[in-house]
């Protein structure tokens, strides 16, 4: 069993993140798929068939030299595109909410002593916190996201003078950690949104007791390493459909229809199926980043470290 409320160093964050899935992975992903499975299937289906239709239309019209074909397509299918767009947006929002908050509630249950979390317990946590989830979504949409985009935009603009590249490496992991700490703190305490946001930012740079050195670099480094691991794996899955697609273009017998629109037929379907799979893999792997950030949050809660240690000592005394 993993102890959550304790100090960790950079290397321990990485090893304990993988140890978490070694201990709880089967139960974790079983619940994850039971809760998120239908949403994931719908999203992947939309990606496969929706994007296939759109890319086929765009590519086909360009190859045929029909300048106004794409405009006519949008005009003729405006109603369907609006409905599909709204459905995709709603599904994406729900999927992202559950994808972000599932690790929060799961780790909270484990940290409280559970060894095997049930699906209905997570669903109950989501249902009982609907009001706070709504406030979190509003705060993220109208405050955190705009501020994050401004910071990222400034960093991106400074790439022209090279310092922006360094800032991007610093900014992305820091923003991710702040957002994740915000969610963990908001649902692990009774603090309000702004109090949790304040804690999420302050805890990146100092411990609450103020007597220990800044944890910033170990938080930043652990996040960056996990991100690189995740990026390498997802890139492999993204490159597979690209290599398969271009390989088929070079080896398949040419035909007039295929040359006009390579996204049609079996090759086109397989291309987007692989992209759907890569999206699914990316969502599953993102849980590694959330668990890693969760361990950082519990590391930052030095106010609870001693209480947990004393409680464990008392438990040992009782058992003896």
C-alpha atoms as a PDB file:
ATOM      1  CA  UNK A   1       0.000   0.000   0.000  1.00  0.00           C
ATOM      2  CA  UNK A   2       1.321   3.439  -0.965  1.00  0.00           C
ATOM      3  CA  UNK A   3       1.597   6.134   1.688  1.00  0.00           C
ATOM      4  CA  UNK A   4       0.295   9.350   0.188  1.00  0.00           C
ATOM      5  CA  UNK A   5       0.905  12.020   2.837  1.00  0.00           C
ATOM      6  CA  UNK A   6       4.691  12.022   2.960  1.00  0.00           C
ATOM      7  CA  UNK A   7       7.672  13.901   1.569  1.00  0.00           C
ATOM      8  CA  UNK A   8       8.990  12.658  -1.754  1.00  0.00           C
ATOM      9  CA  UNK A   9      11.975  13.599  -3.860  1.00  0.00           C
ATOM     10  CA  UNK A  10      12.127  13.901  -7.638  1.00  0.00           C
ATOM     11  CA  UNK A  11      12.939  10.250  -8.334  1.00  0.00           C
ATOM     12  CA  UNK A  12      10.330   8.959  -5.891  1.00  0.00           C
ATOM     13  CA  UNK A  13       7.549  10.806  -7.720  1.00  0.00           C
ATOM     14  CA  UNK A  14       8.405   8.907 -10.902  1.00  0.00           C
ATOM     15  CA  UNK A  15       8.826   5.486  -9.269  1.00  0.00           C
ATOM     16  CA  UNK A  16       5.732   5.849  -7.059  1.00  0.00           C
ATOM     17  CA  UNK A  17       3.611   6.896 -10.049  1.00  0.00           C
ATOM     18  CA  UNK A  18       4.381   3.567 -11.728  1.00  0.00           C
ATOM     19  CA  UNK A  19       4.111   1.731  -8.392  1.00  0.00           C
ATOM     20  CA  UNK A  20       0.595   3.159  -8.017  1.00  0.00           C
ATOM     21  CA  UNK A  21      -0.537   1.488 -11.241  1.00  0.00           C
ATOM     22  CA  UNK A  22       1.265  -1.713 -10.305  1.00  0.00           C
ATOM     23  CA  UNK A  23      -0.802  -1.875  -7.102  1.00  0.00           C
ATOM     24  CA  UNK A  24      -4.098  -0.326  -8.187  1.00  0.00           C
ATOM     25  CA  UNK A  25      -3.953  -0.329 -11.998  1.00  0.00           C
ATOM     26  CA  UNK A  26      -6.428  -3.155 -12.591  1.00  0.00           C
ATOM     27  CA  UNK A  27      -9.056  -1.667 -10.284  1.00  0.00           C
ATOM     28  CA  UNK A  28      -8.285   1.886 -11.457  1.00  0.00           C
ATOM     29  CA  UNK A  29      -8.753   1.260 -15.180  1.00  0.00           C
ATOM     30  CA  UNK A  30     -11.686  -1.089 -14.638  1.00  0.00           C
ATOM     31  CA  UNK A  31     -13.609   1.734 -12.959  1.00  0.00           C
ATOM     32  CA  UNK A  32     -12.266   4.260 -15.445  1.00  0.00           C
ATOM     33  CA  UNK A  33     -13.565   2.292 -18.422  1.00  0.00           C
ATOM     34  CA  UNK A  34     -16.899   1.524 -16.752  1.00  0.00           C
ATOM     35  CA  UNK A  35     -17.471   5.239 -16.128  1.00  0.00           C
ATOM     36  CA  UNK A  36     -15.827   6.646 -19.256  1.00  0.00           C
ATOM     37  CA  UNK A  37     -16.208   3.726 -21.672  1.00  0.00           C
ATOM     38  CA  UNK A  38     -19.342   4.852 -23.514  1.00  0.00           C
ATOM     39  CA  UNK A  39     -18.049   8.422 -23.833  1.00  0.00           C
ATOM     40  CA  UNK A  40     -14.727   7.160 -25.186  1.00  0.00           C
ATOM     41  CA  UNK A  41     -16.456   4.941 -27.756  1.00  0.00           C
ATOM     42  CA  UNK A  42     -18.657   7.826 -28.930  1.00  0.00           C
ATOM     43  CA  UNK A  43     -15.721  10.211 -29.212  1.00  0.00           C
ATOM     44  CA  UNK A  44     -13.582   7.713 -31.130  1.00  0.00           C
ATOM     45  CA  UNK A  45     -16.537   6.953 -33.444  1.00  0.00           C
ATOM     46  CA  UNK A  46     -17.005  10.663 -34.169  1.00  0.00           C
ATOM     47  CA  UNK A  47     -13.289  11.043 -34.884  1.00  0.00           C
ATOM     48  CA  UNK A  48     -13.255   8.051 -37.233  1.00  0.00           C
ATOM     49  CA  UNK A  49     -16.388   8.811 -39.281  1.00  0.00           C
ATOM     50  CA  UNK A  50     -16.733  12.573 -38.799  1.00  0.00           C
ATOM     51  CA  UNK A  51     -13.149  13.482 -39.649  1.00  0.00           C
ATOM     52  CA  UNK A  52     -13.090  10.906 -42.465  1.00  0.00           C
ATOM     53  CA  UNK A  53     -16.083  12.561 -44.088  1.00  0.00           C
ATOM     54  CA  UNK A  54     -14.648  16.065 -43.633  1.00  0.00           C
ATOM     55  CA  UNK A  55     -11.150  15.223 -44.887  1.00  0.00           C
ATOM     56  CA  UNK A  56     -12.535  13.217 -47.788  1.00  0.00           C
ATOM     57  CA  UNK A  57     -14.634  16.190 -48.868  1.00  0.00           C
ATOM     58  CA  UNK A  58     -11.810  18.707 -48.489  1.00  0.00           C
ATOM     59  CA  UNK A  59      -9.194  16.565 -50.232  1.00  0.00           C
ATOM     60  CA  UNK A  60     -11.538  15.430 -52.991  1.00  0.00           C
ATOM     61  CA  UNK A  61     -12.665  18.946 -53.851  1.00  0.00           C
ATOM     62  CA  UNK A  62      -9.085  20.266 -53.944  1.00  0.00           C
ATOM     63  CA  UNK A  63      -7.814  17.453 -56.179  1.00  0.00           C
ATOM     64  CA  UNK A  64     -10.746  17.889 -58.555  1.00  0.00           C
ATOM     65  CA  UNK A  65     -10.215  21.648 -58.784  1.00  0.00           C
ATOM     66  CA  UNK A  66     -13.747  22.386 -57.517  1.00  0.00           C
ATOM     67  CA  UNK A  67     -13.150  25.666 -55.716  1.00  0.00           C
ATOM     68  CA  UNK A  68     -16.727  26.097 -54.476  1.00  0.00           C
ATOM     69  CA  UNK A  69     -17.470  22.453 -53.701  1.00  0.00           C
ATOM     70  CA  UNK A  70     -16.492  22.727 -50.043  1.00  0.00           C
ATOM     71  CA  UNK A  71     -18.661  25.832 -49.580  1.00  0.00           C
ATOM     72  CA  UNK A  72     -21.633  24.060 -51.135  1.00  0.00           C
ATOM     73  CA  UNK A  73     -21.006  21.019 -48.935  1.00  0.00           C
ATOM     74  CA  UNK A  74     -21.183  23.139 -45.765  1.00  0.00           C
ATOM     75  CA  UNK A  75     -24.306  24.929 -47.003  1.00  0.00           C
ATOM     76  CA  UNK A  76     -26.082  21.680 -47.902  1.00  0.00           C
ATOM     77  CA  UNK A  77     -25.160  19.971 -44.618  1.00  0.00           C
ATOM     78  CA  UNK A  78     -25.243  22.952 -42.244  1.00  0.00           C
ATOM     79  CA  UNK A  79     -27.907  21.472 -39.939  1.00  0.00           C
ATOM     80  CA  UNK A  80     -26.120  18.141 -39.604  1.00  0.00           C
ATOM     81  CA  UNK A  81     -22.762  19.840 -39.003  1.00  0.00           C
ATOM     82  CA  UNK A  82     -24.235  22.045 -36.250  1.00  0.00           C
ATOM     83  CA  UNK A  83     -25.819  19.052 -34.497  1.00  0.00           C
ATOM     84  CA  UNK A  84     -22.629  16.984 -34.773  1.00  0.00           C
ATOM     85  CA  UNK A  85     -20.548  19.955 -33.607  1.00  0.00           C
ATOM     86  CA  UNK A  86     -22.733  20.540 -30.533  1.00  0.00           C
ATOM     87  CA  UNK A  87     -22.805  16.806 -29.740  1.00  0.00           C
ATOM     88  CA  UNK A  88     -19.015  16.590 -30.071  1.00  0.00           C
ATOM     89  CA  UNK A  89     -18.501  19.634 -27.850  1.00  0.00           C
ATOM     90  CA  UNK A  90     -20.839  18.328 -25.118  1.00  0.00           C
ATOM     91  CA  UNK A  91     -19.249  14.865 -25.202  1.00  0.00           C
ATOM     92  CA  UNK A  92     -15.769  16.389 -25.109  1.00  0.00           C
ATOM     93  CA  UNK A  93     -16.608  18.599 -22.106  1.00  0.00           C
ATOM     94  CA  UNK A  94     -18.151  15.702 -20.148  1.00  0.00           C
ATOM     95  CA  UNK A  95     -15.245  13.433 -21.078  1.00  0.00           C
ATOM     96  CA  UNK A  96     -12.678  16.006 -19.961  1.00  0.00           C
ATOM     97  CA  UNK A  97     -14.487  16.675 -16.659  1.00  0.00           C
ATOM     98  CA  UNK A  98     -14.581  12.972 -15.800  1.00  0.00           C
ATOM     99  CA  UNK A  99     -11.064  12.418 -17.152  1.00  0.00           C
ATOM    100  CA  UNK A 100      -9.655  15.169 -14.907  1.00  0.00           C
ATOM    101  CA  UNK A 101     -11.710  14.449 -11.784  1.00  0.00           C
ATOM    102  CA  UNK A 102     -11.689  10.644 -11.773  1.00  0.00           C
ATOM    103  CA  UNK A 103      -8.032  10.466 -10.572  1.00  0.00           C
ATOM    104  CA  UNK A 104      -8.824  13.095  -7.906  1.00  0.00           C
ATOM    105  CA  UNK A 105     -11.678  11.136  -6.355  1.00  0.00           C
ATOM    106  CA  UNK A 106      -9.952   7.770  -6.807  1.00  0.00           C
ATOM    107  CA  UNK A 107      -6.754   8.889  -5.058  1.00  0.00           C
ATOM    108  CA  UNK A 108      -8.799  10.565  -2.331  1.00  0.00           C
ATOM    109  CA  UNK A 109     -10.519   7.231  -1.608  1.00  0.00           C
ATOM    110  CA  UNK A 110      -7.210   5.361  -1.544  1.00  0.00           C
ATOM    111  CA  UNK A 111      -5.592   8.018   0.655  1.00  0.00           C
ATOM    112  CA  UNK A 112      -8.476   7.611   3.114  1.00  0.00           C
ATOM    113  CA  UNK A 113      -7.698   3.921   3.477  1.00  0.00           C
ATOM    114  CA  UNK A 114      -9.618   2.118   0.739  1.00  0.00           C
ATOM    115  CA  UNK A 115      -7.802  -0.734  -0.937  1.00  0.00           C
ATOM    116  CA  UNK A 116     -10.352  -1.387  -3.681  1.00  0.00           C
ATOM    117  CA  UNK A 117     -12.546   1.436  -4.927  1.00  0.00           C
ATOM    118  CA  UNK A 118     -15.972   0.630  -6.365  1.00  0.00           C
ATOM    119  CA  UNK A 119     -17.464   2.289  -9.431  1.00  0.00           C
ATOM    120  CA  UNK A 120     -20.580   3.450  -7.589  1.00  0.00           C
ATOM    121  CA  UNK A 121     -18.363   5.178  -5.004  1.00  0.00           C
ATOM    122  CA  UNK A 122     -16.732   7.317  -7.699  1.00  0.00           C
ATOM    123  CA  UNK A 123     -20.113   8.009  -9.301  1.00  0.00           C
ATOM    124  CA  UNK A 124     -21.441   8.999  -5.877  1.00  0.00           C
ATOM    125  CA  UNK A 125     -18.507  11.373  -5.384  1.00  0.00           C
ATOM    126  CA  UNK A 126     -19.186  12.980  -8.769  1.00  0.00           C
ATOM    127  CA  UNK A 127     -22.905  13.289  -8.039  1.00  0.00           C
ATOM    128  CA  UNK A 128     -22.412  14.716  -4.534  1.00  0.00           C
ATOM    129  CA  UNK A 129     -20.009  17.344  -5.849  1.00  0.00           C
ATOM    130  CA  UNK A 130     -21.989  18.543  -8.877  1.00  0.00           C
ATOM    131  CA  UNK A 131     -22.275  22.060  -7.444  1.00  0.00           C
ATOM    132  CA  UNK A 132     -18.556  22.353  -6.797  1.00  0.00           C
ATOM    133  CA  UNK A 133     -17.806  20.803 -10.204  1.00  0.00           C
ATOM    134  CA  UNK A 134     -19.949  23.500 -11.811  1.00  0.00           C
ATOM    135  CA  UNK A 135     -18.073  26.250  -9.933  1.00  0.00           C
ATOM    136  CA  UNK A 136     -14.747  24.671 -10.906  1.00  0.00           C
ATOM    137  CA  UNK A 137     -15.748  24.595 -14.583  1.00  0.00           C
ATOM    138  CA  UNK A 138     -16.792  28.258 -14.499  1.00  0.00           C
ATOM    139  CA  UNK A 139     -13.560  29.269 -12.781  1.00  0.00           C
ATOM    140  CA  UNK A 140     -11.457  27.244 -15.194  1.00  0.00           C
ATOM    141  CA  UNK A 141     -13.287  28.618 -18.237  1.00  0.00           C
ATOM    142  CA  UNK A 142     -13.409  32.314 -17.379  1.00  0.00           C
ATOM    143  CA  UNK A 143     -10.340  32.783 -15.177  1.00  0.00           C
ATOM    144  CA  UNK A 144      -7.693  30.058 -15.257  1.00  0.00           C
ATOM    145  CA  UNK A 145      -7.801  29.252 -18.991  1.00  0.00           C
ATOM    146  CA  UNK A 146      -7.609  32.896 -20.204  1.00  0.00           C
ATOM    147  CA  UNK A 147      -4.712  33.625 -17.817  1.00  0.00           C
ATOM    148  CA  UNK A 148      -2.908  30.450 -18.876  1.00  0.00           C
ATOM    149  CA  UNK A 149      -3.359  31.331 -22.564  1.00  0.00           C
ATOM    150  CA  UNK A 150      -1.929  34.807 -21.959  1.00  0.00           C
ATOM    151  CA  UNK A 151       1.146  33.393 -20.220  1.00  0.00           C
ATOM    152  CA  UNK A 152       1.629  30.745 -22.927  1.00  0.00           C
ATOM    153  CA  UNK A 153       1.120  33.369 -25.651  1.00  0.00           C
ATOM    154  CA  UNK A 154       3.777  35.655 -24.160  1.00  0.00           C
ATOM    155  CA  UNK A 155       6.188  32.726 -23.830  1.00  0.00           C
ATOM    156  CA  UNK A 156       5.504  31.676 -27.417  1.00  0.00           C
ATOM    157  CA  UNK A 157       6.079  35.220 -28.695  1.00  0.00           C
ATOM    158  CA  UNK A 158       9.437  35.354 -26.914  1.00  0.00           C
ATOM    159  CA  UNK A 159      10.644  32.312 -28.877  1.00  0.00           C
ATOM    160  CA  UNK A 160      11.900  34.828 -31.436  1.00  0.00           C
ATOM    161  CA  UNK A 161      14.577  35.884 -28.936  1.00  0.00           C
ATOM    162  CA  UNK A 162      15.271  32.297 -27.817  1.00  0.00           C
ATOM    163  CA  UNK A 163      14.332  32.923 -24.165  1.00  0.00           C
ATOM    164  CA  UNK A 164      10.801  31.884 -25.090  1.00  0.00           C
ATOM    165  CA  UNK A 165      11.948  28.288 -25.639  1.00  0.00           C
ATOM    166  CA  UNK A 166      13.230  28.147 -22.060  1.00  0.00           C
ATOM    167  CA  UNK A 167      10.046  29.783 -20.789  1.00  0.00           C
ATOM    168  CA  UNK A 168       7.876  27.255 -22.639  1.00  0.00           C
ATOM    169  CA  UNK A 169       9.694  24.386 -20.917  1.00  0.00           C
ATOM    170  CA  UNK A 170       9.078  26.100 -17.576  1.00  0.00           C
ATOM    171  CA  UNK A 171       5.542  27.340 -18.199  1.00  0.00           C
ATOM    172  CA  UNK A 172       3.782  24.210 -19.505  1.00  0.00           C
ATOM    173  CA  UNK A 173       4.639  21.867 -16.581  1.00  0.00           C
ATOM    174  CA  UNK A 174       4.005  24.666 -14.065  1.00  0.00           C
ATOM    175  CA  UNK A 175       0.556  25.478 -15.465  1.00  0.00           C
ATOM    176  CA  UNK A 176      -0.350  21.789 -15.556  1.00  0.00           C
ATOM    177  CA  UNK A 177       0.727  21.351 -11.931  1.00  0.00           C
ATOM    178  CA  UNK A 178      -1.174  24.456 -10.793  1.00  0.00           C
ATOM    179  CA  UNK A 179      -4.382  23.297 -12.504  1.00  0.00           C
ATOM    180  CA  UNK A 180      -4.073  19.763 -11.114  1.00  0.00           C
ATOM    181  CA  UNK A 181      -3.239  20.993  -7.602  1.00  0.00           C
ATOM    182  CA  UNK A 182      -6.297  23.250  -7.825  1.00  0.00           C
ATOM    183  CA  UNK A 183      -8.566  20.279  -8.539  1.00  0.00           C
ATOM    184  CA  UNK A 184      -7.020  18.074  -5.870  1.00  0.00           C
ATOM    185  CA  UNK A 185      -7.184  20.783  -3.220  1.00  0.00           C
ATOM    186  CA  UNK A 186     -10.696  21.878  -4.147  1.00  0.00           C
ATOM    187  CA  UNK A 187     -12.103  18.368  -3.667  1.00  0.00           C
ATOM    188  CA  UNK A 188      -9.887  17.296  -0.762  1.00  0.00           C
ATOM    189  CA  UNK A 189     -10.662  20.310   1.407  1.00  0.00           C
ATOM    190  CA  UNK A 190     -13.569  22.627   2.150  1.00  0.00           C
ATOM    191  CA  UNK A 191     -11.780  25.600   0.604  1.00  0.00           C
ATOM    192  CA  UNK A 192     -13.483  27.764  -1.975  1.00  0.00           C
ATOM    193  CA  UNK A 193     -12.322  28.023  -5.584  1.00  0.00           C
ATOM    194  CA  UNK A 194     -10.123  31.092  -5.091  1.00  0.00           C
ATOM    195  CA  UNK A 195      -8.602  29.697  -1.885  1.00  0.00           C
ATOM    196  CA  UNK A 196      -7.677  26.462  -3.654  1.00  0.00           C
ATOM    197  CA  UNK A 197      -6.320  28.383  -6.636  1.00  0.00           C
ATOM    198  CA  UNK A 198      -4.188  30.468  -4.285  1.00  0.00           C
ATOM    199  CA  UNK A 199      -2.910  27.320  -2.572  1.00  0.00           C
ATOM    200  CA  UNK A 200      -2.206  25.644  -5.939  1.00  0.00           C
ATOM    201  CA  UNK A 201       0.017  28.544  -6.997  1.00  0.00           C
ATOM    202  CA  UNK A 202       1.760  29.070  -3.650  1.00  0.00           C
ATOM    203  CA  UNK A 203       2.493  25.381  -3.113  1.00  0.00           C
ATOM    204  CA  UNK A 204       4.527  25.233  -6.335  1.00  0.00           C
ATOM    205  CA  UNK A 205       7.153  27.476  -4.796  1.00  0.00           C
ATOM    206  CA  UNK A 206       7.083  26.821  -1.055  1.00  0.00           C
ATOM    207  CA  UNK A 207       5.815  24.441   1.594  1.00  0.00           C
ATOM    208  CA  UNK A 208       3.141  25.699   3.979  1.00  0.00           C
ATOM    209  CA  UNK A 209       5.490  25.511   6.990  1.00  0.00           C
ATOM    210  CA  UNK A 210       7.941  27.851   5.231  1.00  0.00           C
ATOM    211  CA  UNK A 211      10.949  26.073   6.771  1.00  0.00           C
ATOM    212  CA  UNK A 212      11.951  23.834   3.865  1.00  0.00           C
ATOM    213  CA  UNK A 213      13.455  24.620   0.491  1.00  0.00           C
ATOM    214  CA  UNK A 214      11.211  25.267  -2.474  1.00  0.00           C
ATOM    215  CA  UNK A 215       9.698  22.131  -4.070  1.00  0.00           C
ATOM    216  CA  UNK A 216       9.349  23.876  -7.442  1.00  0.00           C
ATOM    217  CA  UNK A 217      12.163  22.105  -9.291  1.00  0.00           C
ATOM    218  CA  UNK A 218      11.247  18.600  -8.194  1.00  0.00           C
ATOM    219  CA  UNK A 219       7.582  19.228  -9.123  1.00  0.00           C
ATOM    220  CA  UNK A 220       8.575  20.726 -12.464  1.00  0.00           C
ATOM    221  CA  UNK A 221      11.107  17.984 -13.202  1.00  0.00           C
ATOM    222  CA  UNK A 222       8.790  15.098 -12.313  1.00  0.00           C
ATOM    223  CA  UNK A 223       6.015  16.563 -14.474  1.00  0.00           C
ATOM    224  CA  UNK A 224       8.388  17.103 -17.405  1.00  0.00           C
ATOM    225  CA  UNK A 225       9.777  13.550 -17.263  1.00  0.00           C
ATOM    226  CA  UNK A 226       6.297  11.993 -17.180  1.00  0.00           C
ATOM    227  CA  UNK A 227       5.210  14.281 -20.026  1.00  0.00           C
ATOM    228  CA  UNK A 228       8.202  13.204 -22.143  1.00  0.00           C
ATOM    229  CA  UNK A 229       7.423   9.515 -21.503  1.00  0.00           C
ATOM    230  CA  UNK A 230       3.797  10.081 -22.475  1.00  0.00           C
ATOM    231  CA  UNK A 231       4.778  12.158 -25.541  1.00  0.00           C
ATOM    232  CA  UNK A 232       7.131   9.464 -26.871  1.00  0.00           C
ATOM    233  CA  UNK A 233       4.489   6.731 -26.548  1.00  0.00           C
ATOM    234  CA  UNK A 234       1.682   8.797 -28.111  1.00  0.00           C
ATOM    235  CA  UNK A 235       3.989   9.921 -30.937  1.00  0.00           C
ATOM    236  CA  UNK A 236       4.644   6.288 -31.796  1.00  0.00           C
ATOM    237  CA  UNK A 237       0.898   5.636 -32.025  1.00  0.00           C
ATOM    238  CA  UNK A 238       0.425   8.814 -34.095  1.00  0.00           C
ATOM    239  CA  UNK A 239       3.207   7.931 -36.519  1.00  0.00           C
ATOM    240  CA  UNK A 240       1.830   4.440 -37.182  1.00  0.00           C
ATOM    241  CA  UNK A 241      -1.236   5.636 -39.139  1.00  0.00           C
ATOM    242  CA  UNK A 242       0.867   8.243 -40.976  1.00  0.00           C
ATOM    243  CA  UNK A 243       3.436   5.646 -42.067  1.00  0.00           C
ATOM    244  CA  UNK A 244       0.709   3.178 -42.984  1.00  0.00           C
ATOM    245  CA  UNK A 245      -1.157   5.824 -44.985  1.00  0.00           C
ATOM    246  CA  UNK A 246       1.820   7.112 -46.958  1.00  0.00           C
ATOM    247  CA  UNK A 247       3.121   3.588 -47.439  1.00  0.00           C
ATOM    248  CA  UNK A 248      -0.188   2.572 -48.989  1.00  0.00           C
ATOM    249  CA  UNK A 249      -0.028   5.562 -51.328  1.00  0.00           C
ATOM    250  CA  UNK A 250       3.366   4.448 -52.609  1.00  0.00           C
ATOM    251  CA  UNK A 251       2.632   0.724 -52.913  1.00  0.00           C
ATOM    252  CA  UNK A 252      -1.036   0.560 -53.943  1.00  0.00           C
ATOM    253  CA  UNK A 253      -1.942   0.439 -57.624  1.00  0.00           C
ATOM    254  CA  UNK A 254      -2.996   3.872 -58.756  1.00  0.00           C
ATOM    255  CA  UNK A 255      -6.521   4.544 -59.887  1.00  0.00           C
ATOM    256  CA  UNK A 256      -8.264   7.733 -60.877  1.00  0.00           C
ATOM    257  CA  UNK A 257     -10.587   7.655 -57.873  1.00  0.00           C
ATOM    258  CA  UNK A 258      -7.798   6.867 -55.417  1.00  0.00           C
ATOM    259  CA  UNK A 259      -5.565   9.599 -56.780  1.00  0.00           C
ATOM    260  CA  UNK A 260      -8.404  12.113 -56.426  1.00  0.00           C
ATOM    261  CA  UNK A 261      -9.199  11.136 -52.862  1.00  0.00           C
ATOM    262  CA  UNK A 262      -6.861   8.793 -50.950  1.00  0.00           C
ATOM    263  CA  UNK A 263      -9.101   9.054 -47.850  1.00  0.00           C
ATOM    264  CA  UNK A 264     -11.796   6.921 -49.455  1.00  0.00           C
ATOM    265  CA  UNK A 265     -11.974   3.158 -49.225  1.00  0.00           C
ATOM    266  CA  UNK A 266     -10.329   0.763 -46.791  1.00  0.00           C
ATOM    267  CA  UNK A 267      -7.117   2.767 -46.466  1.00  0.00           C
ATOM    268  CA  UNK A 268      -9.005   5.887 -45.408  1.00  0.00           C
ATOM    269  CA  UNK A 269     -11.011   3.993 -42.786  1.00  0.00           C
ATOM    270  CA  UNK A 270      -7.888   2.306 -41.366  1.00  0.00           C
ATOM    271  CA  UNK A 271      -6.113   5.679 -41.268  1.00  0.00           C
ATOM    272  CA  UNK A 272      -8.770   7.257 -39.061  1.00  0.00           C
ATOM    273  CA  UNK A 273      -9.292   4.109 -36.990  1.00  0.00           C
ATOM    274  CA  UNK A 274      -5.608   4.282 -36.064  1.00  0.00           C
ATOM    275  CA  UNK A 275      -5.959   7.942 -35.149  1.00  0.00           C
ATOM    276  CA  UNK A 276      -8.956   7.082 -33.020  1.00  0.00           C
ATOM    277  CA  UNK A 277      -6.866   4.434 -31.263  1.00  0.00           C
ATOM    278  CA  UNK A 278      -4.011   6.919 -30.736  1.00  0.00           C
ATOM    279  CA  UNK A 279      -6.472   9.377 -29.168  1.00  0.00           C
ATOM    280  CA  UNK A 280      -7.717   6.624 -26.850  1.00  0.00           C
ATOM    281  CA  UNK A 281      -4.150   5.701 -25.873  1.00  0.00           C
ATOM    282  CA  UNK A 282      -3.376   9.365 -25.190  1.00  0.00           C
ATOM    283  CA  UNK A 283      -6.378   9.702 -22.865  1.00  0.00           C
ATOM    284  CA  UNK A 284      -5.441   6.536 -20.993  1.00  0.00           C
ATOM    285  CA  UNK A 285      -1.812   7.598 -20.632  1.00  0.00           C
ATOM    286  CA  UNK A 286      -2.836  11.029 -19.348  1.00  0.00           C
ATOM    287  CA  UNK A 287      -3.824   9.290 -16.119  1.00  0.00           C
ATOM    288  CA  UNK A 288      -0.123   8.780 -15.420  1.00  0.00           C
ATOM    289  CA  UNK A 289       0.357  12.564 -15.364  1.00  0.00           C
ATOM    290  CA  UNK A 290      -2.649  13.095 -13.072  1.00  0.00           C
ATOM    291  CA  UNK A 291      -1.477  10.429 -10.606  1.00  0.00           C
ATOM    292  CA  UNK A 292       2.020  11.919 -10.621  1.00  0.00           C
ATOM    293  CA  UNK A 293       0.584  15.386  -9.918  1.00  0.00           C
ATOM    294  CA  UNK A 294      -1.630  13.908  -7.200  1.00  0.00           C
ATOM    295  CA  UNK A 295       1.426  12.523  -5.422  1.00  0.00           C
ATOM    296  CA  UNK A 296       2.944  16.008  -5.615  1.00  0.00           C
ATOM    297  CA  UNK A 297      -0.198  17.480  -4.040  1.00  0.00           C
ATOM    298  CA  UNK A 298      -0.046  15.033  -1.145  1.00  0.00           C
ATOM    299  CA  UNK A 299       3.651  15.852  -0.808  1.00  0.00           C
ATOM    300  CA  UNK A 300       2.736  19.541  -0.446  1.00  0.00           C
ATOM    301  CA  UNK A 301       0.242  18.866   2.362  1.00  0.00           C
ATOM    302  CA  UNK A 302       2.855  18.931   5.121  1.00  0.00           C
ATOM    303  CA  UNK A 303       0.099  19.899   7.563  1.00  0.00           C
ATOM    304  CA  UNK A 304      -1.211  16.323   7.323  1.00  0.00           C
ATOM    305  CA  UNK A 305       2.059  14.376   7.151  1.00  0.00           C
ATOM    306  CA  UNK A 306       2.608  14.184  10.905  1.00  0.00           C
ATOM    307  CA  UNK A 307      -1.054  13.429  11.623  1.00  0.00           C
ATOM    308  CA  UNK A 308      -0.978  10.452   9.269  1.00  0.00           C
ATOM    309  CA  UNK A 309       2.307   9.181  10.721  1.00  0.00           C
ATOM    310  CA  UNK A 310       0.935   9.410  14.286  1.00  0.00           C
ATOM    311  CA  UNK A 311      -2.249   7.618  13.222  1.00  0.00           C
ATOM    312  CA  UNK A 312      -0.167   4.799  11.708  1.00  0.00           C
ATOM    313  CA  UNK A 313       1.892   4.490  14.898  1.00  0.00           C
ATOM    314  CA  UNK A 314      -1.324   4.276  16.941  1.00  0.00           C
ATOM    315  CA  UNK A 315      -2.606   1.571  14.598  1.00  0.00           C
ATOM    316  CA  UNK A 316       0.590  -0.449  15.028  1.00  0.00           C
ATOM    317  CA  UNK A 317       0.250  -0.137  18.802  1.00  0.00           C
ATOM    318  CA  UNK A 318      -3.340  -1.381  18.694  1.00  0.00           C
ATOM    319  CA  UNK A 319      -2.437  -4.320  16.451  1.00  0.00           C
ATOM    320  CA  UNK A 320       0.360  -5.345  18.800  1.00  0.00           C
END
